[in-house]
Amino acid sequence: MLDIECFSLLNQDLENDIAPILVVATNRGITIIRGTNYRSPHGNPIDFLDRLLIISTQPYKEEEIRKILDIRCQEEDVEMSEDARVLLTKIGVNTSLRYAIHLITSAALACQKRKGKVVEVEDITRFYNLFYDVKRSTQYLMEYQSQYMFKEISAEEAEEGKTTAMVS
């Protein structure tokens, strides 16, 4: 999102005696620096890259997702059955950790409504089917895009629409 002018301003601020701590996150490879015709790693100027400490990140493993979800359940005071924890971990691996965390709160509300003490697989399944993750939402939109007001149309449909407009 940053262009060469933004990088110039950031470089100037980093040279100051009271330089801020700057955290930059990117998933860009070797690409063009915005506002120039030069290519550089991460789309950042070389002089800016020299000032950075680059930290590689990796996706969470299944065990890590499980631990994070366990901690989140503890923080939210949600008791969950072992089968529900396994299902929630699989959902976190297949969709996203954020989506799985949101399911904890929703499933706890479902458990409360049925006057249960422990969140079960049925509670998680209920909200998993009710609320879509990004992949399923995208798939749904692609499948039913013809029913929405703004949709992609083929060249043939566009030409047909022009013809109809001329006749009207």
Protein backbone atom coordinates (compact mmCIF):
# COMPACT_ATOMS: atom_id res chain seq x y z
CA MET A 1 0.00 0.00 0.00
CA LEU A 2 2.95 2.34 0.54
CA ASP A 3 4.44 4.28 -2.36
CA ILE A 4 7.89 5.81 -2.74
CA GLU A 5 6.82 9.09 -1.10
CA CYS A 6 5.60 7.22 1.99
CA PHE A 7 8.90 5.34 2.21
CA SER A 8 10.80 8.64 1.98
CA LEU A 9 8.78 10.05 4.88
CA LEU A 10 9.29 6.87 6.95
CA ASN A 11 13.05 6.92 6.26
CA GLN A 12 13.19 10.52 7.40
CA ASP A 13 11.33 9.68 10.63
CA LEU A 14 13.59 6.68 11.29
CA GLU A 15 16.67 8.94 11.15
CA ASN A 16 15.29 11.10 13.95
CA ASP A 17 16.76 10.85 17.49
CA ILE A 18 13.41 9.72 18.85
CA ALA A 19 12.74 7.27 16.04
CA PRO A 20 9.52 5.30 16.37
CA ILE A 21 9.31 1.53 16.41
CA LEU A 22 7.82 0.61 13.07
CA VAL A 23 6.19 -2.73 12.34
CA VAL A 24 5.61 -3.53 8.68
CA ALA A 25 3.79 -6.66 7.55
CA THR A 26 3.75 -7.86 3.97
CA ASN A 27 3.17 -10.94 1.87
CA ARG A 28 4.59 -9.45 -1.32
CA GLY A 29 7.51 -11.06 -3.12
CA ILE A 30 9.94 -9.29 -5.44
CA THR A 31 7.71 -6.67 -6.97
CA ILE A 32 7.56 -3.08 -8.19
CA ILE A 33 7.93 -0.29 -5.63
CA ARG A 34 4.74 1.72 -6.00
CA GLY A 35 5.37 5.07 -7.64
CA THR A 36 8.51 3.86 -9.47
CA ASN A 37 9.55 1.45 -12.18
CA TYR A 38 11.97 -0.41 -9.89
CA ARG A 39 11.51 -3.92 -8.54
CA SER A 40 12.60 -4.78 -5.02
CA PRO A 41 12.00 -7.47 -2.36
CA HIS A 42 8.61 -6.96 -0.72
CA GLY A 43 8.05 -3.85 -2.86
CA ASN A 44 10.20 -1.80 -0.42
CA PRO A 45 13.18 0.38 -1.40
CA ILE A 46 16.56 -1.21 -0.64
CA ASP A 47 17.62 1.60 1.75
CA PHE A 48 14.41 1.01 3.72
CA LEU A 49 14.95 -2.77 3.78
CA ASP A 50 18.44 -2.22 5.25
CA ARG A 51 16.81 -0.72 8.35
CA LEU A 52 14.43 -3.63 8.96
CA LEU A 53 14.67 -6.80 10.99
CA ILE A 54 12.84 -9.34 8.85
CA ILE A 55 10.97 -12.05 10.73
CA SER A 56 9.59 -15.04 8.86
CA THR A 57 6.17 -16.27 9.91
CA GLN A 58 4.61 -19.70 9.45
CA PRO A 59 0.98 -20.86 9.59
CA TYR A 60 -0.12 -22.39 12.88
CA LYS A 61 0.13 -26.16 13.22
CA GLU A 62 -2.84 -28.20 14.43
CA GLU A 63 -1.43 -28.56 17.97
CA GLU A 64 -0.88 -24.81 18.21
CA ILE A 65 -4.41 -24.09 17.07
CA ARG A 66 -5.68 -26.55 19.68
CA LYS A 67 -3.72 -24.80 22.45
CA ILE A 68 -4.91 -21.36 21.38
CA LEU A 69 -8.54 -22.53 21.30
CA ASP A 70 -8.13 -24.14 24.74
CA ILE A 71 -6.80 -20.87 26.16
CA ARG A 72 -9.63 -18.94 24.54
CA CYS A 73 -12.19 -21.33 26.07
CA GLN A 74 -10.63 -20.78 29.48
CA GLU A 75 -10.67 -17.01 29.06
CA GLU A 76 -14.32 -17.03 28.05
CA ASP A 77 -15.27 -19.56 30.79
CA VAL A 78 -16.59 -22.03 28.23
CA GLU A 79 -16.63 -25.71 29.14
CA MET A 80 -16.28 -27.83 26.02
CA SER A 81 -16.42 -31.59 25.48
CA GLU A 82 -13.37 -33.35 24.03
CA ASP A 83 -15.20 -34.18 20.79
CA ALA A 84 -16.22 -30.54 20.41
CA ARG A 85 -12.61 -29.44 20.93
CA VAL A 86 -11.43 -31.86 18.25
CA LEU A 87 -14.08 -30.60 15.82
CA LEU A 88 -13.29 -26.97 16.59
CA THR A 89 -9.57 -27.62 16.00
CA LYS A 90 -10.34 -29.22 12.61
CA ILE A 91 -12.49 -26.24 11.71
CA GLY A 92 -9.63 -23.91 12.72
CA VAL A 93 -7.18 -25.85 10.53
CA ASN A 94 -9.53 -25.94 7.51
CA THR A 95 -10.88 -22.39 7.74
CA SER A 96 -9.10 -19.94 10.02
CA LEU A 97 -8.26 -19.53 13.67
CA ARG A 98 -10.36 -16.37 13.84
CA TYR A 99 -13.43 -18.18 12.54
CA ALA A 100 -12.95 -21.02 15.06
CA ILE A 101 -12.63 -18.50 17.90
CA HIS A 102 -15.90 -16.87 16.87
CA LEU A 103 -17.55 -20.28 16.94
CA ILE A 104 -16.58 -20.68 20.62
CA THR A 105 -18.72 -17.72 21.65
CA SER A 106 -21.64 -18.70 19.40
CA ALA A 107 -21.59 -22.34 20.49
CA ALA A 108 -21.50 -21.26 24.15
CA LEU A 109 -24.66 -19.22 23.57
CA ALA A 110 -26.33 -22.23 21.96
CA CYS A 111 -25.31 -24.37 24.92
CA GLN A 112 -26.75 -21.79 27.31
CA LYS A 113 -30.01 -21.66 25.38
CA ARG A 114 -30.48 -25.43 25.61
CA LYS A 115 -29.61 -25.13 29.32
CA GLY A 116 -26.48 -27.25 28.99
CA LYS A 117 -23.29 -26.92 30.98
CA VAL A 118 -20.80 -28.22 28.37
CA VAL A 119 -20.56 -27.19 24.72
CA GLU A 120 -21.12 -30.25 22.53
CA VAL A 121 -20.45 -31.04 18.88
CA GLU A 122 -24.10 -30.23 18.03
CA ASP A 123 -23.66 -26.65 19.30
CA ILE A 124 -20.60 -26.08 17.13
CA THR A 125 -22.18 -27.78 14.11
CA ARG A 126 -25.29 -25.64 14.43
CA PHE A 127 -23.33 -22.40 14.15
CA TYR A 128 -20.87 -23.79 11.62
CA ASN A 129 -23.84 -24.40 9.32
CA LEU A 130 -25.37 -21.03 10.16
CA PHE A 131 -22.30 -18.79 9.74
CA TYR A 132 -20.04 -19.21 6.72
CA ASP A 133 -16.26 -18.91 6.67
CA VAL A 134 -14.55 -17.06 3.81
CA LYS A 135 -14.11 -20.11 1.57
CA ARG A 136 -17.71 -21.29 1.88
CA SER A 137 -19.02 -17.74 1.51
CA THR A 138 -17.03 -17.25 -1.69
CA GLN A 139 -18.20 -20.60 -3.02
CA TYR A 140 -21.82 -19.67 -2.24
CA LEU A 141 -21.50 -16.30 -3.97
CA MET A 142 -19.96 -17.87 -7.06
CA GLU A 143 -22.71 -20.49 -7.19
CA TYR A 144 -25.56 -18.00 -6.85
CA GLN A 145 -24.03 -14.88 -8.42
CA SER A 146 -26.68 -14.75 -11.14
CA GLN A 147 -29.27 -13.98 -8.46
CA TYR A 148 -27.47 -10.86 -7.19
CA MET A 149 -27.92 -7.37 -8.51
CA PHE A 150 -24.30 -6.87 -9.58
CA LYS A 151 -22.84 -9.92 -11.24
CA GLU A 152 -20.22 -10.72 -13.81
CA ILE A 153 -21.71 -11.10 -17.24
CA SER A 154 -20.24 -12.73 -20.28
CA ALA A 155 -19.43 -10.82 -23.46
CA GLU A 156 -22.46 -12.43 -25.11
CA GLU A 157 -24.78 -11.24 -22.33
CA ALA A 158 -23.29 -7.74 -22.55
CA GLU A 159 -23.83 -7.65 -26.32
CA GLU A 160 -27.36 -8.98 -25.89
CA GLY A 161 -28.05 -6.26 -23.31
CA LYS A 162 -26.87 -3.55 -25.73
CA THR A 163 -29.12 -4.92 -28.46
CA THR A 164 -32.12 -4.98 -26.11
CA ALA A 165 -31.42 -1.41 -25.01
CA MET A 166 -31.28 -0.21 -28.64
CA VAL A 167 -34.60 -1.86 -29.47
CA SER A 168 -36.41 -0.39 -26.43
